[in-house]
Amino acid sequence: DIVTLSLVYYSLTQSKEHESESQIILERAQRRAKKMAGSQLRKALAAERRKGSSKSNTDNMMDVNEVTTQLQSLYGPDIHILHETNDIIILSKPAGMVLYHSKKTSAGKITASRKKKSRAANNASGSKGGAKQVDISLVDALLDVPNCGLSTVNPTARGIVHRLDRGTSGTIVLAKTDEIHLKLVALFFLRRVKKTYLALVPGCDGSDEEESDIKKQLLTMGSTGVIDAPVNGRPARSTYKVVGEYHGSESQSSSVLPEALLLEMQTFTGRKHQVRVHCAAGLGRPIFLDPKYSSSSKKSTEDKKTKQKEKRKKTKKQHQSNGERSIPNLPKLISDQLEGMNLFGDEERFFLHATSLSIPELGISVDAPLPSWWIDDVRETQLN
């Protein structure tokens, strides 16, 4: 598989003596990608490789300011290019944007009319990034930019070397060449990439009162801890630190529990939904607006799905009748801030942000600004 090939390639590239062997592994990864791709995709991959081989180093660089302006006009103010080299691009992804579409359909296709519609939605929503966008993936958005080539060894997800959920915003690394793609996959697998997240969670947990008292004592301003709890049956470890607490206007006293806490989280294993699971199950404080882990219901998965579908239908009818969107299960501090904003659906954005990423071996360290729609109190804390 791609991880095995990446580890072998990375190991071989550590010595100049094995340059020919590393090239053999690279070619094997490219042949694998060709085999996985369909006939139409094969042509696109072959064209990209020919184009890449004929490019000089300067041809492989973009005008960052120009491309950022272009992307923001289409996909809102929360998409930023944070770092670019000849073979890597690091962006801050907006919440609601999927990394790639596993199945290519006309719904995610970039057309002139969809670009026009997306620009109009952005202009109508102003600077807070609340407009409902056309469902374009990050990969497709970048491939639509002139001079932005992405690696081809993962044909269904060009350039993608790690995950970030649709509803999560923040730092994401993409590979522009096949060589760096294999190297990055190896570095992520070997845990040589440091990732930090910010999560906004309730000030008190939703468990029984006795257990809640213990957790309330642990989660005070500046407190830290380690969460060792399995995710999907596999070992997972995260650390947390409370970096902000927020009281409503009527509860400023330090003796009153805050309505919300800002957690800084670091992951030491790369499990799917790890931060979301550890906040909800490990700390008893699910991330605000998280549709999958915020429910305290113990019903079966099927019951939950049915309930969510019914809720979405009911909410949609309410929006159509009164022209506004309700924000359920949020403290007044947050709901007041978000009231009147044209949010994506509950499943498309929540208060989890990949705030920083560093790859010491490559000398890379970047920070992503908080999304424009996060509450002002949190943004002010981060600025301070």
Protein backbone atom coordinates (compact mmCIF):
# COMPACT_ATOMS: atom_id res chain seq x y z
CA ASP A 1 0.00 0.00 0.00
CA ILE A 2 0.95 3.67 -0.19
CA VAL A 3 2.14 3.81 3.45
CA THR A 4 4.52 0.87 2.99
CA LEU A 5 5.90 2.35 -0.23
CA SER A 6 6.30 5.72 1.48
CA LEU A 7 8.22 4.25 4.42
CA VAL A 8 10.57 2.34 2.12
CA TYR A 9 11.10 5.40 -0.09
CA TYR A 10 11.78 7.64 2.91
CA SER A 11 14.27 5.14 4.36
CA LEU A 12 16.14 4.88 1.05
CA THR A 13 16.34 8.64 0.55
CA GLN A 14 18.23 9.02 3.83
CA SER A 15 21.35 7.83 2.00
CA LYS A 16 22.67 8.96 -1.38
CA GLU A 17 23.92 5.44 -1.96
CA HIS A 18 20.34 4.22 -2.49
CA GLU A 19 19.21 6.89 -4.96
CA SER A 20 18.50 4.39 -7.75
CA GLU A 21 16.53 2.12 -5.42
CA SER A 22 14.41 5.05 -4.18
CA GLN A 23 13.63 5.91 -7.80
CA ILE A 24 12.40 2.35 -8.35
CA ILE A 25 10.04 2.68 -5.37
CA LEU A 26 8.77 6.04 -6.67
CA GLU A 27 8.03 4.52 -10.07
CA ARG A 28 6.23 1.61 -8.40
CA ALA A 29 4.03 4.08 -6.49
CA GLN A 30 3.25 5.88 -9.75
CA ARG A 31 2.35 2.61 -11.48
CA ARG A 32 0.10 1.75 -8.55
CA ALA A 33 -1.67 5.09 -8.93
CA LYS A 34 -2.11 4.48 -12.65
CA LYS A 35 -3.65 1.08 -11.95
CA MET A 36 -6.04 2.53 -9.35
CA ALA A 37 -7.19 5.39 -11.59
CA GLY A 38 -9.90 5.04 -14.21
CA SER A 39 -9.23 5.66 -17.91
CA GLN A 40 -10.22 9.33 -17.76
CA LEU A 41 -8.19 9.94 -14.60
CA ARG A 42 -5.16 8.14 -16.06
CA LYS A 43 -4.95 10.71 -18.85
CA ALA A 44 -5.07 13.58 -16.37
CA LEU A 45 -2.33 12.00 -14.23
CA ALA A 46 -0.10 11.37 -17.22
CA ALA A 47 -0.56 14.96 -18.41
CA GLU A 48 0.25 16.29 -14.95
CA ARG A 49 3.46 14.23 -14.75
CA ARG A 50 4.59 15.41 -18.19
CA LYS A 51 3.85 19.00 -17.21
CA GLY A 52 5.68 18.59 -13.90
CA SER A 53 8.81 17.14 -15.50
CA SER A 54 9.05 20.07 -17.93
CA LYS A 55 8.65 22.74 -15.22
CA SER A 56 11.53 24.62 -13.67
CA ASN A 57 11.52 25.41 -9.93
CA THR A 58 10.24 28.93 -10.55
CA ASP A 59 7.39 27.66 -12.76
CA ASN A 60 6.13 25.55 -9.87
CA MET A 61 5.51 28.57 -7.61
CA MET A 62 2.32 30.63 -7.45
CA ASP A 63 1.64 34.28 -6.81
CA VAL A 64 0.41 33.69 -3.25
CA ASN A 65 -1.40 37.03 -2.85
CA GLU A 66 -3.16 36.73 -6.19
CA VAL A 67 -4.19 33.10 -5.64
CA THR A 68 -5.38 33.83 -2.08
CA THR A 69 -7.57 36.66 -3.37
CA GLN A 70 -8.96 34.38 -6.07
CA LEU A 71 -9.72 31.56 -3.62
CA GLN A 72 -11.30 33.88 -1.05
CA SER A 73 -13.57 35.43 -3.67
CA LEU A 74 -14.92 31.94 -4.38
CA TYR A 75 -14.76 30.13 -1.04
CA GLY A 76 -14.91 32.84 1.63
CA PRO A 77 -12.45 34.76 3.83
CA ASP A 78 -11.27 31.77 5.85
CA ILE A 79 -9.14 30.12 3.18
CA HIS A 80 -5.49 31.21 3.35
CA ILE A 81 -2.21 30.07 1.82
CA LEU A 82 0.13 29.83 4.81
CA HIS A 83 3.29 28.45 3.22
CA GLU A 84 4.51 27.39 -0.23
CA THR A 85 7.67 25.85 -1.60
CA ASN A 86 8.46 24.14 -4.91
CA ASP A 87 6.96 20.89 -3.64
CA ILE A 88 4.63 21.73 -0.72
CA ILE A 89 1.65 23.99 -0.14
CA ILE A 90 0.09 24.53 3.31
CA LEU A 91 -3.30 26.17 3.60
CA SER A 92 -5.84 27.10 6.22
CA LYS A 93 -9.00 25.26 5.16
CA PRO A 94 -12.40 26.80 5.91
CA ALA A 95 -14.92 24.76 7.89
CA GLY A 96 -17.49 23.20 5.58
CA MET A 97 -15.06 22.47 2.75
CA VAL A 98 -14.31 18.81 2.13
CA LEU A 99 -10.72 17.85 1.25
CA TYR A 100 -11.68 15.77 -1.78
CA HIS A 101 -14.67 13.97 -3.27
CA SER A 102 -14.22 10.20 -3.20
CA LYS A 103 -16.79 9.91 -5.96
CA LYS A 104 -16.63 12.39 -8.81
CA THR A 105 -20.09 13.79 -9.54
CA SER A 106 -21.42 16.89 -11.24
CA ALA A 107 -22.30 18.29 -7.78
CA GLY A 108 -18.67 19.16 -7.08
CA LYS A 109 -17.68 20.19 -10.59
CA ILE A 110 -16.22 23.68 -11.00
CA THR A 111 -18.03 25.65 -13.68
CA ALA A 112 -18.28 29.33 -14.58
CA SER A 113 -21.88 29.49 -13.32
CA ARG A 114 -20.94 27.89 -9.97
CA LYS A 115 -18.06 30.34 -9.55
CA LYS A 116 -20.48 33.20 -10.17
CA LYS A 117 -22.95 31.78 -7.65
CA SER A 118 -20.21 31.30 -5.04
CA ARG A 119 -18.93 34.88 -5.46
CA ALA A 120 -22.46 36.22 -5.09
CA ALA A 121 -22.95 34.22 -1.88
CA ASN A 122 -19.68 35.57 -0.46
CA ASN A 123 -20.56 39.16 -1.32
CA ALA A 124 -23.96 38.77 0.35
CA SER A 125 -22.53 37.28 3.55
CA GLY A 126 -19.92 39.99 4.11
CA SER A 127 -16.68 39.29 5.99
CA LYS A 128 -17.86 36.60 8.44
CA GLY A 129 -17.75 33.69 6.00
CA GLY A 130 -21.28 32.50 6.67
CA ALA A 131 -22.45 31.94 3.11
CA LYS A 132 -23.48 28.49 1.90
CA GLN A 133 -20.86 27.58 -0.69
CA VAL A 134 -21.03 25.32 -3.71
CA ASP A 135 -19.68 21.93 -2.64
CA ILE A 136 -16.23 22.22 -4.20
CA SER A 137 -13.42 20.22 -2.61
CA LEU A 138 -10.11 21.77 -1.62
CA VAL A 139 -8.27 19.61 -4.15
CA ASP A 140 -10.55 20.66 -7.01
CA ALA A 141 -10.32 24.31 -5.95
CA LEU A 142 -6.50 24.17 -6.10
CA LEU A 143 -6.38 22.25 -9.38
CA ASP A 144 -8.54 25.01 -10.86
CA VAL A 145 -5.77 27.53 -10.05
CA PRO A 146 -3.18 28.06 -12.83
CA ASN A 147 0.32 26.81 -11.99
CA CYS A 148 -0.88 24.76 -9.01
CA GLY A 149 0.06 21.16 -9.68
CA LEU A 150 -0.55 18.47 -7.06
CA SER A 151 1.07 15.07 -6.62
CA THR A 152 -0.38 12.10 -8.52
CA VAL A 153 0.44 9.02 -6.41
CA ASN A 154 -2.98 9.24 -4.71
CA PRO A 155 -5.22 9.55 -7.80
CA THR A 156 -8.52 9.98 -5.95
CA ALA A 157 -7.14 12.60 -3.54
CA ARG A 158 -4.39 14.49 -5.35
CA GLY A 159 -1.81 15.94 -2.96
CA ILE A 160 -3.58 14.80 0.23
CA VAL A 161 -1.22 13.29 2.84
CA HIS A 162 -3.32 13.61 6.03
CA ARG A 163 -6.93 14.14 7.11
CA LEU A 164 -9.00 17.09 8.26
CA ASP A 165 -12.75 16.68 8.71
CA ARG A 166 -15.13 18.76 6.62
CA GLY A 167 -16.37 20.61 9.69
CA THR A 168 -12.87 21.33 11.02
CA SER A 169 -10.96 24.40 9.89
CA GLY A 170 -7.24 25.12 9.88
CA THR A 171 -3.89 23.85 8.67
CA ILE A 172 -3.66 21.23 5.94
CA VAL A 173 -0.54 20.14 4.02
CA LEU A 174 -0.68 19.15 0.35
CA ALA A 175 2.13 17.69 -1.74
CA LYS A 176 2.90 19.23 -5.14
CA THR A 177 5.28 16.47 -6.25
CA ASP A 178 5.22 12.69 -5.98
CA GLU A 179 8.58 12.61 -4.20
CA ILE A 180 7.51 14.86 -1.33
CA HIS A 181 4.12 13.08 -1.16
CA LEU A 182 5.82 9.79 -0.21
CA LYS A 183 8.11 11.56 2.23
CA LEU A 184 5.24 13.38 3.96
CA VAL A 185 3.15 10.21 4.29
CA ALA A 186 6.13 8.58 6.01
CA LEU A 187 6.69 11.55 8.34
CA PHE A 188 3.02 11.59 9.40
CA PHE A 189 3.07 7.81 9.96
CA LEU A 190 6.25 8.10 12.06
CA ARG A 191 4.63 10.88 14.17
CA ARG A 192 7.24 13.44 13.14
CA VAL A 193 4.66 16.11 12.45
CA LYS A 194 3.33 18.16 15.38
CA LYS A 195 -0.31 19.27 15.20
CA THR A 196 -2.13 21.57 17.62
CA TYR A 197 -5.89 22.18 17.72
CA LEU A 198 -8.19 24.64 19.45
CA ALA A 199 -11.58 23.35 20.58
CA LEU A 200 -14.44 25.31 22.14
CA VAL A 201 -16.33 23.14 24.63
CA PRO A 202 -18.91 23.54 27.43
CA GLY A 203 -17.71 24.88 30.77
CA CYS A 204 -19.15 21.87 32.59
CA ASP A 205 -19.63 18.33 31.37
CA GLY A 206 -22.88 16.51 30.76
CA SER A 207 -22.25 13.40 32.83
CA ASP A 208 -23.62 12.52 36.24
CA GLU A 209 -23.11 15.12 38.96
CA GLU A 210 -20.52 13.20 41.03
CA GLU A 211 -18.22 12.54 38.06
CA SER A 212 -18.88 16.06 36.76
CA ASP A 213 -17.52 17.63 39.98
CA ILE A 214 -14.18 15.85 39.47
CA LYS A 215 -13.89 17.02 35.89
CA LYS A 216 -14.89 20.56 36.80
CA GLN A 217 -11.98 20.71 39.24
CA LEU A 218 -9.59 19.46 36.56
CA LEU A 219 -10.69 21.85 33.84
CA THR A 220 -9.77 25.26 35.23
CA MET A 221 -7.87 28.04 33.51
CA GLY A 222 -4.30 26.90 32.77
CA SER A 223 -4.83 23.28 33.83
CA THR A 224 -3.33 20.52 31.69
CA GLY A 225 -3.80 16.80 31.32
CA VAL A 226 -3.35 13.68 29.22
CA ILE A 227 -6.15 11.67 27.64
CA ASP A 228 -5.37 8.00 27.03
CA ALA A 229 -8.57 6.59 25.59
CA PRO A 230 -9.10 4.29 22.61
CA VAL A 231 -10.70 5.65 19.46
CA ASN A 232 -12.55 3.09 17.34
CA GLY A 233 -10.90 0.34 19.36
CA ARG A 234 -7.34 1.57 18.79
CA PRO A 235 -5.02 3.21 21.35
CA ALA A 236 -5.01 7.02 21.18
CA ARG A 237 -3.29 9.73 23.19
CA SER A 238 -3.89 13.49 23.35
CA THR A 239 -2.91 16.27 25.71
CA TYR A 240 -5.02 19.30 26.59
CA LYS A 241 -4.54 22.70 28.18
CA VAL A 242 -7.25 25.20 29.12
CA VAL A 243 -6.23 28.47 27.46
CA GLY A 244 -9.48 30.42 27.77
CA GLU A 245 -12.71 30.53 29.75
CA TYR A 246 -15.78 32.55 28.87
CA HIS A 247 -18.61 33.71 31.12
CA GLY A 248 -21.94 35.13 30.07
CA SER A 249 -22.71 38.76 30.87
CA GLU A 250 -24.71 37.68 33.92
CA SER A 251 -22.08 35.27 35.32
CA GLN A 252 -18.77 37.10 35.52
CA SER A 253 -18.01 35.92 39.06
CA SER A 254 -15.02 33.55 39.29
CA SER A 255 -17.11 31.28 41.54
CA VAL A 256 -19.54 30.61 38.69
CA LEU A 257 -18.60 27.94 36.17
CA PRO A 258 -17.82 29.41 32.74
CA GLU A 259 -20.22 28.85 29.88
CA ALA A 260 -17.40 27.78 27.57
CA LEU A 261 -13.77 26.72 27.68
CA LEU A 262 -11.11 27.00 24.99
CA LEU A 263 -8.88 23.91 24.92
CA GLU A 264 -5.52 23.60 23.21
CA MET A 265 -5.16 19.98 22.12
CA GLN A 266 -2.18 18.06 20.79
CA THR A 267 -2.46 14.58 19.28
CA PHE A 268 0.24 11.91 19.51
CA THR A 269 -1.65 9.34 17.46
CA GLY A 270 -3.49 9.94 14.21
CA ARG A 271 -6.88 8.35 14.81
CA LYS A 272 -9.92 9.43 12.87
CA HIS A 273 -11.97 12.00 14.86
CA GLN A 274 -9.48 11.70 17.73
CA VAL A 275 -9.85 15.23 19.13
CA ARG A 276 -13.64 15.09 18.81
CA VAL A 277 -13.86 11.73 20.60
CA HIS A 278 -11.42 12.73 23.35
CA CYS A 279 -13.30 15.96 24.08
CA ALA A 280 -16.66 14.18 24.19
CA ALA A 281 -15.79 10.85 25.82
CA GLY A 282 -12.51 11.62 27.56
CA LEU A 283 -13.47 14.98 29.08
CA GLY A 284 -17.26 14.79 28.93
CA ARG A 285 -17.30 18.06 26.98
CA PRO A 286 -18.25 17.60 23.31
CA ILE A 287 -17.16 20.33 20.92
CA PHE A 288 -19.86 22.92 20.27
CA LEU A 289 -21.88 22.25 17.07
CA ASP A 290 -20.30 18.80 16.59
CA PRO A 291 -23.24 16.79 15.20
CA LYS A 292 -21.71 13.35 15.72
CA TYR A 293 -20.38 13.39 19.28
CA SER A 294 -22.36 16.12 21.02
CA SER A 295 -25.45 14.01 21.68
CA SER A 296 -25.71 12.43 25.13
CA SER A 297 -28.34 10.02 23.88
CA LYS A 298 -27.55 6.30 24.25
CA LYS A 299 -29.84 5.21 21.44
CA SER A 300 -28.61 3.09 18.59
CA THR A 301 -26.86 4.61 15.60
CA GLU A 302 -29.87 4.05 13.38
CA ASP A 303 -32.15 5.84 15.84
CA LYS A 304 -29.76 8.77 15.92
CA LYS A 305 -29.63 8.99 12.12
CA THR A 306 -33.43 8.93 11.89
CA LYS A 307 -33.73 11.60 14.59
CA GLN A 308 -31.16 13.81 12.86
CA LYS A 309 -32.95 13.53 9.51
CA GLU A 310 -36.28 14.47 11.10
CA LYS A 311 -34.63 17.36 12.95
CA ARG A 312 -33.03 18.69 9.75
CA LYS A 313 -36.36 18.55 7.92
CA LYS A 314 -38.13 20.35 10.79
CA THR A 315 -35.40 22.99 11.04
CA LYS A 316 -35.44 23.55 7.28
CA LYS A 317 -39.18 24.20 7.38
CA GLN A 318 -38.71 26.66 10.25
CA HIS A 319 -36.00 28.50 8.34
CA GLN A 320 -38.24 28.73 5.29
CA SER A 321 -41.12 30.06 7.37
CA ASN A 322 -39.33 32.64 9.51
CA GLY A 323 -36.23 33.31 7.36
CA GLU A 324 -33.71 32.65 10.16
CA ARG A 325 -31.66 29.78 11.49
CA SER A 326 -31.87 28.57 15.08
CA ILE A 327 -28.71 27.46 16.88
CA PRO A 328 -29.63 24.67 19.34
CA ASN A 329 -27.78 23.53 22.48
CA LEU A 330 -25.48 26.54 22.72
CA PRO A 331 -24.91 28.89 25.67
CA LYS A 332 -26.22 32.40 25.25
CA LEU A 333 -22.67 33.73 24.97
CA ILE A 334 -22.21 31.85 21.68
CA SER A 335 -25.74 31.89 20.31
CA ASP A 336 -25.92 35.68 20.66
CA GLN A 337 -22.72 36.00 18.65
CA LEU A 338 -23.85 33.63 15.89
CA GLU A 339 -27.47 34.71 15.74
CA GLY A 340 -28.42 35.96 12.31
CA MET A 341 -25.38 34.45 10.59
CA ASN A 342 -26.05 32.25 7.57
CA LEU A 343 -24.19 29.17 8.83
CA PHE A 344 -23.53 25.98 6.93
CA GLY A 345 -25.55 23.05 8.26
CA ASP A 346 -24.75 21.70 11.72
CA GLU A 347 -22.79 18.85 10.15
CA GLU A 348 -20.59 21.17 8.10
CA ARG A 349 -18.88 23.32 10.70
CA PHE A 350 -18.09 23.11 14.38
CA PHE A 351 -15.75 24.77 16.87
CA LEU A 352 -12.59 22.79 16.11
CA HIS A 353 -9.63 24.50 14.47
CA ALA A 354 -6.22 23.06 13.48
CA THR A 355 -4.32 26.10 14.69
CA SER A 356 -0.70 25.11 14.05
CA LEU A 357 1.44 22.53 12.32
CA SER A 358 5.19 21.96 12.33
CA ILE A 359 7.47 19.57 10.43
CA PRO A 360 10.88 19.99 12.09
CA GLU A 361 12.67 17.80 9.55
CA LEU A 362 11.61 20.17 6.76
CA GLY A 363 12.06 23.33 8.82
CA ILE A 364 8.35 24.17 8.55
CA SER A 365 6.18 25.75 11.25
CA VAL A 366 2.91 27.54 10.46
CA ASP A 367 -0.05 29.00 12.36
CA ALA A 368 -3.55 29.42 10.98
CA PRO A 369 -5.75 32.39 11.98
CA LEU A 370 -9.04 31.58 13.69
CA PRO A 371 -12.08 31.48 11.40
CA SER A 372 -13.95 34.76 10.97
CA TRP A 373 -17.19 33.27 12.36
CA TRP A 374 -15.74 32.20 15.74
CA ILE A 375 -16.99 34.29 18.63
CA ASP A 376 -15.21 37.60 19.25
CA ASP A 377 -14.16 36.70 22.82
CA VAL A 378 -12.18 33.70 21.58
CA ARG A 379 -10.57 35.63 18.74
CA GLU A 380 -9.57 38.40 21.15
CA THR A 381 -7.98 35.82 23.49
CA GLN A 382 -5.88 34.42 20.66
CA LEU A 383 -4.80 37.90 19.56
CA ASN A 384 -3.73 38.69 23.12
